[in-house]
Amino acid sequence: MPVIVKTNLPSMTVQQNLNSATSSLNKAVERMTTGYKINHAVDNAAGYSISDIWQTKLGSVDIASQNTTMGLDLLRTAEDNYALITTHLQRIRDLTEQAANGTYGLDSLETIRDEIKARLEEISRVATNAEYNEIKLMSTGSAAVNLQVGIKEGDVISMAATLFADATLNGLYSSTAAPGTTFRNIIKAANNGTAVANLNTETGYTATAAAFAGIKLTASGTYEKQTDSGKTARDTLEYIDYAIQMISTRVTKLGAAQNRLESVMETLTTQSNNITSSLSTIKDTDVAQESSNYIQAQILQQASATLLATANQAPSIAISLI
């Protein structure tokens, strides 16, 4: 066997194996510290591409879930405000039914009017200020709401503007919608024969409350019982019922929309879990396996380093031949 000094093939072989062991060691360390077995395209080109696509889809599903949650919050906010309005309307109905009994004097009816007026003002205040993230929920300017609840263009739930229509006193008794025209004539009679164009005003609240209480404004600026105050108050009950029913219809539709959004949330949660599971399968590190690879590479590295020292000394035998 020749003794060669210029080219140390055993050393070169050991160096190659040392580099391979070091590379395997570094890869095992990277995978265990990042938690991913695919950190670069070179690790698994196909897997890297698939995981990128799934990661993007998972992000889209998360945004859709957030959109759906915000949609639920918006609907619940609207429902809570409608509940407040309904409470006031129900109390107004109770007071009007009291006034319809015909056993109350003018002072008592004016007291009833005052509470009704305060509650009418509160109804309009609630409706005017009800909003979610600057979106008007039940006053002039309210519009349809479209929720993007999926990752595709067609994954949209639309809620009609009628769900968020004006619920102020003007909105509830619009002069252009039945029974608004007839009701406003009743208010006109309670306001000394003067029509009230805008019910959301001091005059509007006072005149409406007077109509409910069965009293009317006189030319001298005082109030008196209407000819048949009990009947007059009784006649207005159907208009209060109309407003309560209008609000109830909206709340029912809001509830149906909430049920639909909750179903969407369940679907998105399932979709997110499935994508996450798939991502984990293709990308997450098997720590037990990588620990074994790490120990194996570490042993090979240490062995190669020891053998490299021996291989590097092999050419020195040539000196003993000189």
Foldseek 3Di string as FASTA:
>chain_A
DDQDDPDQVLLVVLVVLLVVLVVLLVLLVVQQVVQWNPDDCVSPVVLVVVLVVLVVQLVQLVVLLVLLVLLLVLLVLLLVLLVLLLVLLVVLLVLLLVLLVQPDAPVSLVVSLVSNLVSLLVQQVSQQPRDDPPARQAAPPHAKDWTQNHNDPPNIDIDGSLLRYHRHPCRLQPCVDPPNVVLQCLLCVQEQNHGDPDLNDPSNSSSNSCQLNQWHAHPVGDIHHPPNSSVSNVVCSVSSVSSSVSSVVSSVVSVVVSVVSVVSSVVSVVVSVVSVVVSCVSIGDPSVVSVVSNVVSVVSNVVSVVVSVVSSCSSVVVVVVD
